[in-house]
Amino acid sequence: MHFTLRIDGTAARITVHGEIDYTTLPTLRAAAAGLPPNVTELVWDLHDARFMDVAGLHLLFEEPSQEGPPRKTTVTNLAPQPLRLLILAAEVNPTLELARLFPDTPQAAFDE
């Protein structure tokens, strides 16, 4: 697994290339934690992440400990398996707010 990082002003995009699992989780967390404090938006681009285990849920739903302003985190370009995992996690734990990760998708789309 490797990732690419692009920062444009106050927005950052981390594109993951490979699997997201407990082996790769520390590297991805470190990438997010290492963003400059002025970055207030983080997009995880998962186009090339074809597999994600429960470590991906920790990456996307655990609030990182960071100094500075809060950071809005979203996800884009989900492959079918990671999307199924997120939907299953929301079914098992209805308090997970998938709409937070996908702000352009109404919550009703996840309730079907």
N, C-alpha and C. Protein backbone atom coordinates (compact mmCIF):
# COMPACT_ATOMS: atom_id res chain seq x y z
N MET A 1 0.85 -1.17 0.00
CA MET A 1 0.00 0.00 0.00
C MET A 1 0.89 1.23 0.00
N HIS A 2 0.50 2.20 -0.76
CA HIS A 2 1.09 3.52 -0.68
C HIS A 2 -0.03 4.53 -0.89
N PHE A 3 0.28 5.78 -0.71
CA PHE A 3 -0.74 6.81 -0.88
C PHE A 3 -0.10 8.03 -1.52
N THR A 4 -0.95 8.84 -2.12
CA THR A 4 -0.52 10.13 -2.62
C THR A 4 -1.28 11.19 -1.85
N LEU A 5 -0.63 12.31 -1.67
CA LEU A 5 -1.21 13.42 -0.91
C LEU A 5 -1.15 14.68 -1.75
N ARG A 6 -2.28 15.36 -1.81
CA ARG A 6 -2.33 16.65 -2.50
C ARG A 6 -3.00 17.65 -1.57
N ILE A 7 -2.33 18.77 -1.36
CA ILE A 7 -2.89 19.83 -0.53
C ILE A 7 -3.13 21.04 -1.42
N ASP A 8 -4.35 21.57 -1.33
CA ASP A 8 -4.73 22.75 -2.09
C ASP A 8 -5.37 23.73 -1.12
N GLY A 9 -4.58 24.66 -0.62
CA GLY A 9 -5.10 25.62 0.36
C GLY A 9 -5.43 24.94 1.66
N THR A 10 -6.71 24.98 2.03
CA THR A 10 -7.15 24.37 3.29
C THR A 10 -7.73 22.97 3.09
N ALA A 11 -7.61 22.43 1.88
CA ALA A 11 -8.15 21.10 1.58
C ALA A 11 -7.01 20.15 1.24
N ALA A 12 -7.14 18.91 1.71
CA ALA A 12 -6.17 17.87 1.40
C ALA A 12 -6.90 16.66 0.85
N ARG A 13 -6.25 15.95 -0.06
CA ARG A 13 -6.79 14.70 -0.61
C ARG A 13 -5.71 13.65 -0.45
N ILE A 14 -6.08 12.58 0.26
CA ILE A 14 -5.19 11.43 0.39
C ILE A 14 -5.79 10.31 -0.44
N THR A 15 -5.05 9.89 -1.45
CA THR A 15 -5.49 8.80 -2.33
C THR A 15 -4.74 7.55 -1.93
N VAL A 16 -5.50 6.54 -1.53
CA VAL A 16 -4.92 5.29 -1.07
C VAL A 16 -4.80 4.34 -2.26
N HIS A 17 -3.61 3.76 -2.41
CA HIS A 17 -3.35 2.78 -3.47
C HIS A 17 -3.02 1.45 -2.81
N GLY A 18 -4.00 0.60 -2.70
CA GLY A 18 -3.81 -0.70 -2.06
C GLY A 18 -4.82 -0.90 -0.95
N GLU A 19 -4.61 -1.96 -0.18
CA GLU A 19 -5.55 -2.36 0.85
C GLU A 19 -5.44 -1.48 2.10
N ILE A 20 -6.57 -1.34 2.78
CA ILE A 20 -6.59 -0.69 4.08
C ILE A 20 -6.87 -1.78 5.10
N ASP A 21 -5.85 -2.04 5.93
CA ASP A 21 -5.98 -3.05 6.98
C ASP A 21 -5.14 -2.60 8.17
N TYR A 22 -5.03 -3.46 9.18
CA TYR A 22 -4.31 -3.05 10.38
C TYR A 22 -2.82 -2.83 10.12
N THR A 23 -2.28 -3.41 9.05
CA THR A 23 -0.89 -3.18 8.72
C THR A 23 -0.69 -1.77 8.16
N THR A 24 -1.64 -1.30 7.37
CA THR A 24 -1.50 0.00 6.72
C THR A 24 -2.12 1.14 7.53
N LEU A 25 -2.94 0.81 8.52
CA LEU A 25 -3.63 1.83 9.31
C LEU A 25 -2.68 2.84 9.95
N PRO A 26 -1.59 2.44 10.59
CA PRO A 26 -0.70 3.44 11.20
C PRO A 26 -0.13 4.43 10.19
N THR A 27 0.19 3.97 9.01
CA THR A 27 0.73 4.86 7.98
C THR A 27 -0.31 5.88 7.54
N LEU A 28 -1.54 5.43 7.36
CA LEU A 28 -2.60 6.35 6.93
C LEU A 28 -2.95 7.34 8.04
N ARG A 29 -3.01 6.87 9.27
CA ARG A 29 -3.26 7.78 10.39
C ARG A 29 -2.16 8.83 10.50
N ALA A 30 -0.91 8.40 10.30
CA ALA A 30 0.21 9.34 10.37
C ALA A 30 0.12 10.37 9.25
N ALA A 31 -0.34 9.96 8.07
CA ALA A 31 -0.48 10.91 6.96
C ALA A 31 -1.51 11.97 7.31
N ALA A 32 -2.63 11.56 7.89
CA ALA A 32 -3.67 12.52 8.26
C ALA A 32 -3.20 13.40 9.42
N ALA A 33 -2.54 12.80 10.38
CA ALA A 33 -2.06 13.56 11.54
C ALA A 33 -0.98 14.56 11.15
N GLY A 34 -0.24 14.27 10.10
CA GLY A 34 0.84 15.14 9.67
C GLY A 34 0.42 16.30 8.78
N LEU A 35 -0.88 16.41 8.51
CA LEU A 35 -1.34 17.53 7.69
C LEU A 35 -1.15 18.84 8.44
N PRO A 36 -0.88 19.91 7.70
CA PRO A 36 -0.72 21.21 8.36
C PRO A 36 -2.00 21.60 9.11
N PRO A 37 -1.87 22.36 10.19
CA PRO A 37 -3.04 22.73 11.00
C PRO A 37 -4.07 23.56 10.23
N ASN A 38 -3.65 24.23 9.16
CA ASN A 38 -4.61 25.05 8.41
C ASN A 38 -5.49 24.21 7.48
N VAL A 39 -5.23 22.91 7.36
CA VAL A 39 -6.07 22.04 6.53
C VAL A 39 -7.33 21.72 7.32
N THR A 40 -8.47 22.18 6.81
CA THR A 40 -9.75 21.98 7.50
C THR A 40 -10.65 20.98 6.79
N GLU A 41 -10.23 20.51 5.62
CA GLU A 41 -10.98 19.50 4.87
C GLU A 41 -10.05 18.39 4.44
N LEU A 42 -10.45 17.15 4.71
CA LEU A 42 -9.69 15.98 4.28
C LEU A 42 -10.60 15.07 3.49
N VAL A 43 -10.19 14.75 2.28
CA VAL A 43 -10.92 13.80 1.44
C VAL A 43 -10.07 12.55 1.31
N TRP A 44 -10.64 11.43 1.70
CA TRP A 44 -10.02 10.13 1.46
C TRP A 44 -10.52 9.63 0.12
N ASP A 45 -9.65 9.54 -0.86
CA ASP A 45 -10.01 9.02 -2.19
C ASP A 45 -9.64 7.55 -2.21
N LEU A 46 -10.65 6.69 -2.26
CA LEU A 46 -10.43 5.25 -2.14
C LEU A 46 -10.61 4.51 -3.46
N HIS A 47 -10.45 5.20 -4.57
CA HIS A 47 -10.60 4.59 -5.89
C HIS A 47 -9.73 3.35 -6.05
N ASP A 48 -8.49 3.43 -5.59
CA ASP A 48 -7.56 2.32 -5.75
C ASP A 48 -7.45 1.45 -4.50
N ALA A 49 -8.35 1.63 -3.56
CA ALA A 49 -8.40 0.78 -2.36
C ALA A 49 -9.54 -0.21 -2.57
N ARG A 50 -9.23 -1.33 -3.14
CA ARG A 50 -10.26 -2.32 -3.49
C ARG A 50 -10.70 -3.17 -2.31
N PHE A 51 -9.90 -3.17 -1.23
CA PHE A 51 -10.24 -3.94 -0.04
C PHE A 51 -10.01 -3.09 1.19
N MET A 52 -10.94 -3.18 2.14
CA MET A 52 -10.81 -2.48 3.41
C MET A 52 -11.41 -3.38 4.48
N ASP A 53 -10.64 -3.65 5.55
CA ASP A 53 -11.21 -4.41 6.65
C ASP A 53 -11.64 -3.44 7.75
N VAL A 54 -11.88 -3.94 8.93
CA VAL A 54 -12.41 -3.11 10.01
C VAL A 54 -11.45 -1.96 10.35
N ALA A 55 -10.19 -2.08 10.01
CA ALA A 55 -9.24 -0.98 10.23
C ALA A 55 -9.68 0.28 9.48
N GLY A 56 -10.29 0.10 8.33
CA GLY A 56 -10.80 1.24 7.57
C GLY A 56 -11.90 1.97 8.33
N LEU A 57 -12.70 1.23 9.08
CA LEU A 57 -13.73 1.86 9.89
C LEU A 57 -13.10 2.71 10.98
N HIS A 58 -12.04 2.20 11.58
CA HIS A 58 -11.33 2.98 12.59
C HIS A 58 -10.74 4.25 11.96
N LEU A 59 -10.20 4.13 10.78
CA LEU A 59 -9.61 5.28 10.10
C LEU A 59 -10.65 6.35 9.84
N LEU A 60 -11.82 5.96 9.38
CA LEU A 60 -12.84 6.92 8.94
C LEU A 60 -13.73 7.43 10.07
N PHE A 61 -13.91 6.65 11.14
CA PHE A 61 -14.87 7.05 12.17
C PHE A 61 -14.26 7.49 13.49
N GLU A 62 -13.03 7.14 13.76
CA GLU A 62 -12.43 7.59 15.01
C GLU A 62 -12.01 9.04 14.86
N GLU A 63 -12.32 9.83 15.85
CA GLU A 63 -11.93 11.23 15.83
C GLU A 63 -10.44 11.33 16.13
N PRO A 64 -9.67 11.90 15.21
CA PRO A 64 -8.24 12.02 15.48
C PRO A 64 -7.98 13.08 16.55
N SER A 65 -6.93 12.86 17.30
CA SER A 65 -6.54 13.89 18.26
C SER A 65 -5.65 14.87 17.53
N GLN A 66 -6.11 16.08 17.42
CA GLN A 66 -5.35 17.10 16.69
C GLN A 66 -5.54 18.45 17.34
N GLU A 67 -4.57 19.26 17.15
CA GLU A 67 -4.64 20.63 17.60
C GLU A 67 -5.20 21.45 16.44
N GLY A 68 -5.75 22.59 16.74
CA GLY A 68 -6.23 23.47 15.69
C GLY A 68 -7.70 23.28 15.41
N PRO A 69 -8.17 23.84 14.29
CA PRO A 69 -9.59 23.80 13.98
C PRO A 69 -10.05 22.38 13.64
N PRO A 70 -11.35 22.11 13.81
CA PRO A 70 -11.86 20.78 13.44
C PRO A 70 -11.70 20.56 11.94
N ARG A 71 -11.57 19.31 11.58
CA ARG A 71 -11.35 18.95 10.18
C ARG A 71 -12.54 18.14 9.66
N LYS A 72 -13.14 18.61 8.58
CA LYS A 72 -14.22 17.88 7.93
C LYS A 72 -13.61 16.76 7.10
N THR A 73 -14.05 15.53 7.35
CA THR A 73 -13.51 14.37 6.65
C THR A 73 -14.60 13.74 5.80
N THR A 74 -14.28 13.51 4.52
CA THR A 74 -15.21 12.86 3.61
C THR A 74 -14.49 11.76 2.84
N VAL A 75 -15.28 10.94 2.15
CA VAL A 75 -14.76 9.82 1.38
C VAL A 75 -15.32 9.92 -0.04
N THR A 76 -14.50 9.56 -1.02
CA THR A 76 -14.96 9.56 -2.40
C THR A 76 -14.43 8.33 -3.13
N ASN A 77 -15.09 7.98 -4.20
CA ASN A 77 -14.64 6.91 -5.12
C ASN A 77 -14.51 5.55 -4.45
N LEU A 78 -15.49 5.17 -3.66
CA LEU A 78 -15.44 3.88 -2.98
C LEU A 78 -15.64 2.73 -3.96
N ALA A 79 -14.79 1.73 -3.85
CA ALA A 79 -14.97 0.48 -4.59
C ALA A 79 -16.10 -0.30 -3.92
N PRO A 80 -16.64 -1.33 -4.59
CA PRO A 80 -17.79 -2.05 -4.02
C PRO A 80 -17.54 -2.67 -2.64
N GLN A 81 -16.41 -3.32 -2.41
CA GLN A 81 -16.20 -3.99 -1.12
C GLN A 81 -16.12 -2.99 0.03
N PRO A 82 -15.32 -1.91 -0.06
CA PRO A 82 -15.35 -0.95 1.06
C PRO A 82 -16.73 -0.31 1.28
N LEU A 83 -17.45 -0.07 0.21
CA LEU A 83 -18.80 0.49 0.36
C LEU A 83 -19.70 -0.50 1.09
N ARG A 84 -19.64 -1.78 0.74
CA ARG A 84 -20.44 -2.79 1.44
C ARG A 84 -20.08 -2.84 2.92
N LEU A 85 -18.78 -2.73 3.23
CA LEU A 85 -18.36 -2.74 4.63
C LEU A 85 -18.93 -1.56 5.39
N LEU A 86 -18.92 -0.37 4.80
CA LEU A 86 -19.48 0.80 5.46
C LEU A 86 -20.98 0.65 5.69
N ILE A 87 -21.68 0.15 4.70
CA ILE A 87 -23.13 -0.04 4.84
C ILE A 87 -23.43 -1.09 5.91
N LEU A 88 -22.68 -2.17 5.93
CA LEU A 88 -22.87 -3.21 6.96
C LEU A 88 -22.58 -2.64 8.35
N ALA A 89 -21.53 -1.86 8.47
CA ALA A 89 -21.20 -1.25 9.77
C ALA A 89 -22.34 -0.35 10.24
N ALA A 90 -22.94 0.39 9.32
CA ALA A 90 -24.05 1.28 9.68
C ALA A 90 -25.30 0.48 10.06
N GLU A 91 -25.49 -0.68 9.44
CA GLU A 91 -26.62 -1.52 9.80
C GLU A 91 -26.44 -2.10 11.20
N VAL A 92 -25.22 -2.50 11.53
CA VAL A 92 -24.93 -3.08 12.83
C VAL A 92 -24.92 -2.00 13.92
N ASN A 93 -24.44 -0.82 13.56
CA ASN A 93 -24.35 0.28 14.52
C ASN A 93 -25.03 1.51 13.91
N PRO A 94 -26.33 1.67 14.11
CA PRO A 94 -27.07 2.78 13.49
C PRO A 94 -26.61 4.17 13.92
N THR A 95 -25.79 4.26 14.96
CA THR A 95 -25.31 5.58 15.37
C THR A 95 -24.19 6.10 14.46
N LEU A 96 -23.62 5.23 13.62
CA LEU A 96 -22.62 5.70 12.65
C LEU A 96 -23.31 6.60 11.65
N GLU A 97 -22.73 7.72 11.39
CA GLU A 97 -23.33 8.69 10.48
C GLU A 97 -22.62 8.64 9.13
N LEU A 98 -23.12 7.76 8.25
CA LEU A 98 -22.52 7.66 6.92
C LEU A 98 -22.66 8.97 6.15
N ALA A 99 -23.74 9.68 6.39
CA ALA A 99 -23.95 10.94 5.67
C ALA A 99 -22.83 11.93 5.95
N ARG A 100 -22.19 11.82 7.11
CA ARG A 100 -21.06 12.70 7.42
C ARG A 100 -19.90 12.46 6.46
N LEU A 101 -19.71 11.21 6.06
CA LEU A 101 -18.62 10.89 5.14
C LEU A 101 -18.96 11.21 3.69
N PHE A 102 -20.25 11.21 3.39
CA PHE A 102 -20.72 11.46 2.03
C PHE A 102 -21.68 12.63 2.03
N PRO A 103 -21.19 13.85 2.19
CA PRO A 103 -22.09 15.00 2.39
C PRO A 103 -23.00 15.29 1.20
N ASP A 104 -22.68 14.80 0.02
CA ASP A 104 -23.52 15.06 -1.14
C ASP A 104 -24.61 14.02 -1.32
N THR A 105 -24.66 13.04 -0.42
CA THR A 105 -25.65 11.97 -0.50
C THR A 105 -26.61 12.09 0.67
N PRO A 106 -27.91 12.21 0.40
CA PRO A 106 -28.87 12.32 1.50
C PRO A 106 -28.87 11.08 2.39
N GLN A 107 -29.09 11.24 3.67
CA GLN A 107 -29.10 10.13 4.62
C GLN A 107 -30.10 9.04 4.19
N ALA A 108 -31.19 9.42 3.56
CA ALA A 108 -32.20 8.45 3.13
C ALA A 108 -31.61 7.40 2.20
N ALA A 109 -30.61 7.74 1.43
CA ALA A 109 -29.98 6.77 0.52
C ALA A 109 -29.32 5.64 1.29
N PHE A 110 -28.91 5.89 2.52
CA PHE A 110 -28.26 4.87 3.33
C PHE A 110 -29.27 4.07 4.15
N ASP A 111 -30.48 4.56 4.25
CA ASP A 111 -31.50 3.91 5.07
C ASP A 111 -32.29 2.86 4.31
N GLU A 112 -32.02 2.72 3.04
CA GLU A 112 -32.81 1.77 2.22
C GLU A 112 -32.41 0.34 2.46
